[in-house]
């Protein structure tokens, strides 16, 4: 019974991770320059570093907190991919400005990180 429960939880987590990898419907479009994109990436990296240090300091992490942190990390990964892609696209075109399409979760988390690190 315990093994079956563990397998079902592992399956549920794998399915969640697949879902978290996908961006939702675009809710916000950022038009920003390469300098601002680099600043956003630096702030995201700083946020990841802080949360990693906090998690490393704990001996046991509650399951719920672990799932919430995993979801947050997947959203950060999606944002990071979009920012890097926008930068590369702008460099290829020889432009400074880029459009970045964000879903609701991405826009909310990016705004939160930018506000916290001002």
C-alpha atoms as a PDB file:
ATOM      1  CA  UNK A   1       0.000   0.000   0.000  1.00  0.00           C
ATOM      2  CA  UNK A   2       2.794   2.420   0.920  1.00  0.00           C
ATOM      3  CA  UNK A   3       4.705   1.633  -2.296  1.00  0.00           C
ATOM      4  CA  UNK A   4       1.596   2.233  -4.370  1.00  0.00           C
ATOM      5  CA  UNK A   5       0.980   5.590  -2.668  1.00  0.00           C
ATOM      6  CA  UNK A   6       4.582   6.644  -3.301  1.00  0.00           C
ATOM      7  CA  UNK A   7       4.329   5.627  -6.977  1.00  0.00           C
ATOM      8  CA  UNK A   8       1.085   7.570  -7.364  1.00  0.00           C
ATOM      9  CA  UNK A   9       2.638  10.661  -5.767  1.00  0.00           C
ATOM     10  CA  UNK A  10       5.705  10.379  -8.018  1.00  0.00           C
ATOM     11  CA  UNK A  11       3.414  10.091 -11.040  1.00  0.00           C
ATOM     12  CA  UNK A  12       1.402  13.130  -9.938  1.00  0.00           C
ATOM     13  CA  UNK A  13       4.580  15.171  -9.512  1.00  0.00           C
ATOM     14  CA  UNK A  14       5.837  14.140 -12.976  1.00  0.00           C
ATOM     15  CA  UNK A  15       2.513  15.230 -14.502  1.00  0.00           C
ATOM     16  CA  UNK A  16       2.664  18.550 -12.631  1.00  0.00           C
ATOM     17  CA  UNK A  17       6.184  19.184 -13.913  1.00  0.00           C
ATOM     18  CA  UNK A  18       5.063  18.556 -17.495  1.00  0.00           C
ATOM     19  CA  UNK A  19       2.224  21.019 -17.023  1.00  0.00           C
ATOM     20  CA  UNK A  20       4.460  23.621 -15.386  1.00  0.00           C
ATOM     21  CA  UNK A  21       6.855  23.544 -18.347  1.00  0.00           C
ATOM     22  CA  UNK A  22       4.131  24.953 -20.598  1.00  0.00           C
ATOM     23  CA  UNK A  23       3.328  28.632 -20.787  1.00  0.00           C
ATOM     24  CA  UNK A  24      -0.303  29.598 -20.590  1.00  0.00           C
ATOM     25  CA  UNK A  25      -2.188  32.138 -22.644  1.00  0.00           C
ATOM     26  CA  UNK A  26      -0.356  35.430 -23.123  1.00  0.00           C
ATOM     27  CA  UNK A  27      -1.697  38.007 -20.689  1.00  0.00           C
ATOM     28  CA  UNK A  28       1.053  40.624 -20.818  1.00  0.00           C
ATOM     29  CA  UNK A  29       3.534  41.763 -23.442  1.00  0.00           C
ATOM     30  CA  UNK A  30       6.675  43.518 -22.250  1.00  0.00           C
ATOM     31  CA  UNK A  31       8.503  45.783 -24.643  1.00  0.00           C
ATOM     32  CA  UNK A  32      11.935  46.332 -23.215  1.00  0.00           C
ATOM     33  CA  UNK A  33      15.538  46.856 -24.184  1.00  0.00           C
ATOM     34  CA  UNK A  34      18.481  44.472 -23.885  1.00  0.00           C
ATOM     35  CA  UNK A  35      19.856  46.265 -20.819  1.00  0.00           C
ATOM     36  CA  UNK A  36      16.597  45.801 -18.931  1.00  0.00           C
ATOM     37  CA  UNK A  37      16.419  42.146 -19.989  1.00  0.00           C
ATOM     38  CA  UNK A  38      19.926  41.564 -18.595  1.00  0.00           C
ATOM     39  CA  UNK A  39      18.850  43.276 -15.373  1.00  0.00           C
ATOM     40  CA  UNK A  40      15.805  40.995 -15.158  1.00  0.00           C
ATOM     41  CA  UNK A  41      17.986  37.924 -15.685  1.00  0.00           C
ATOM     42  CA  UNK A  42      20.379  39.066 -12.947  1.00  0.00           C
ATOM     43  CA  UNK A  43      17.493  39.561 -10.530  1.00  0.00           C
ATOM     44  CA  UNK A  44      16.056  36.147 -11.369  1.00  0.00           C
ATOM     45  CA  UNK A  45      19.479  34.564 -10.812  1.00  0.00           C
ATOM     46  CA  UNK A  46      19.782  36.372  -7.469  1.00  0.00           C
ATOM     47  CA  UNK A  47      16.300  35.180  -6.458  1.00  0.00           C
ATOM     48  CA  UNK A  48      17.178  31.581  -7.361  1.00  0.00           C
ATOM     49  CA  UNK A  49      20.412  31.808  -5.370  1.00  0.00           C
ATOM     50  CA  UNK A  50      18.599  33.094  -2.280  1.00  0.00           C
ATOM     51  CA  UNK A  51      15.891  30.431  -2.433  1.00  0.00           C
ATOM     52  CA  UNK A  52      18.477  27.680  -3.033  1.00  0.00           C
ATOM     53  CA  UNK A  53      20.455  28.787   0.013  1.00  0.00           C
ATOM     54  CA  UNK A  54      17.281  28.861   2.105  1.00  0.00           C
ATOM     55  CA  UNK A  55      16.283  25.371   0.983  1.00  0.00           C
ATOM     56  CA  UNK A  56      19.800  23.986   1.540  1.00  0.00           C
ATOM     57  CA  UNK A  57      19.755  25.200   5.128  1.00  0.00           C
ATOM     58  CA  UNK A  58      16.687  23.146   6.002  1.00  0.00           C
ATOM     59  CA  UNK A  59      17.026  19.510   7.009  1.00  0.00           C
ATOM     60  CA  UNK A  60      13.535  18.492   5.955  1.00  0.00           C
ATOM     61  CA  UNK A  61      11.251  20.350   3.618  1.00  0.00           C
ATOM     62  CA  UNK A  62       7.492  19.874   3.963  1.00  0.00           C
ATOM     63  CA  UNK A  63       5.915  18.266   0.897  1.00  0.00           C
ATOM     64  CA  UNK A  64       3.621  21.211   0.215  1.00  0.00           C
ATOM     65  CA  UNK A  65       6.501  23.699   0.374  1.00  0.00           C
ATOM     66  CA  UNK A  66       8.561  21.469  -1.903  1.00  0.00           C
ATOM     67  CA  UNK A  67       5.790  21.390  -4.522  1.00  0.00           C
ATOM     68  CA  UNK A  68       5.277  25.167  -4.317  1.00  0.00           C
ATOM     69  CA  UNK A  69       9.004  25.772  -4.737  1.00  0.00           C
ATOM     70  CA  UNK A  70       9.171  23.376  -7.687  1.00  0.00           C
ATOM     71  CA  UNK A  71       6.324  25.190  -9.419  1.00  0.00           C
ATOM     72  CA  UNK A  72       7.988  28.546  -8.790  1.00  0.00           C
ATOM     73  CA  UNK A  73      11.260  27.232 -10.232  1.00  0.00           C
ATOM     74  CA  UNK A  74       9.526  26.023 -13.392  1.00  0.00           C
ATOM     75  CA  UNK A  75       7.904  29.439 -13.842  1.00  0.00           C
ATOM     76  CA  UNK A  76      11.304  31.104 -13.377  1.00  0.00           C
ATOM     77  CA  UNK A  77      12.766  28.722 -15.936  1.00  0.00           C
ATOM     78  CA  UNK A  78      10.065  29.665 -18.462  1.00  0.00           C
ATOM     79  CA  UNK A  79      10.703  33.371 -17.856  1.00  0.00           C
ATOM     80  CA  UNK A  80      14.457  32.891 -18.198  1.00  0.00           C
ATOM     81  CA  UNK A  81      14.069  31.020 -21.485  1.00  0.00           C
ATOM     82  CA  UNK A  82      11.865  33.780 -22.875  1.00  0.00           C
ATOM     83  CA  UNK A  83      14.281  36.516 -21.815  1.00  0.00           C
ATOM     84  CA  UNK A  84      17.291  34.743 -23.315  1.00  0.00           C
ATOM     85  CA  UNK A  85      15.382  34.017 -26.520  1.00  0.00           C
ATOM     86  CA  UNK A  86      14.309  37.671 -26.789  1.00  0.00           C
ATOM     87  CA  UNK A  87      17.896  38.828 -26.316  1.00  0.00           C
ATOM     88  CA  UNK A  88      19.211  36.433 -28.955  1.00  0.00           C
ATOM     89  CA  UNK A  89      16.474  37.446 -31.383  1.00  0.00           C
ATOM     90  CA  UNK A  90      17.212  41.156 -30.889  1.00  0.00           C
ATOM     91  CA  UNK A  91      20.930  40.584 -31.429  1.00  0.00           C
ATOM     92  CA  UNK A  92      20.277  38.707 -34.677  1.00  0.00           C
ATOM     93  CA  UNK A  93      18.062  41.505 -35.941  1.00  0.00           C
ATOM     94  CA  UNK A  94      20.465  44.164 -34.736  1.00  0.00           C
ATOM     95  CA  UNK A  95      17.792  45.860 -32.619  1.00  0.00           C
ATOM     96  CA  UNK A  96      17.801  46.956 -29.009  1.00  0.00           C
ATOM     97  CA  UNK A  97      14.152  46.419 -28.083  1.00  0.00           C
ATOM     98  CA  UNK A  98      12.334  43.115 -27.687  1.00  0.00           C
ATOM     99  CA  UNK A  99       8.784  41.967 -27.064  1.00  0.00           C
ATOM    100  CA  UNK A 100       8.338  39.313 -24.418  1.00  0.00           C
ATOM    101  CA  UNK A 101       5.004  37.550 -24.076  1.00  0.00           C
ATOM    102  CA  UNK A 102       4.195  36.401 -20.547  1.00  0.00           C
ATOM    103  CA  UNK A 103       1.332  34.376 -19.173  1.00  0.00           C
ATOM    104  CA  UNK A 104      -0.436  35.323 -15.939  1.00  0.00           C
ATOM    105  CA  UNK A 105       1.906  33.355 -13.640  1.00  0.00           C
ATOM    106  CA  UNK A 106       5.057  34.573 -15.364  1.00  0.00           C
ATOM    107  CA  UNK A 107       3.965  38.216 -15.329  1.00  0.00           C
ATOM    108  CA  UNK A 108       3.005  38.047 -11.654  1.00  0.00           C
ATOM    109  CA  UNK A 109       6.235  36.355 -10.549  1.00  0.00           C
ATOM    110  CA  UNK A 110       8.475  38.621 -12.643  1.00  0.00           C
ATOM    111  CA  UNK A 111       6.747  41.718 -11.242  1.00  0.00           C
ATOM    112  CA  UNK A 112       7.144  40.352  -7.712  1.00  0.00           C
ATOM    113  CA  UNK A 113      10.877  39.680  -8.180  1.00  0.00           C
ATOM    114  CA  UNK A 114      11.526  43.051  -9.787  1.00  0.00           C
ATOM    115  CA  UNK A 115       9.651  44.825  -6.975  1.00  0.00           C
ATOM    116  CA  UNK A 116      11.443  42.899  -4.200  1.00  0.00           C
ATOM    117  CA  UNK A 117      14.884  43.666  -5.573  1.00  0.00           C
ATOM    118  CA  UNK A 118      14.491  47.389  -6.256  1.00  0.00           C
END
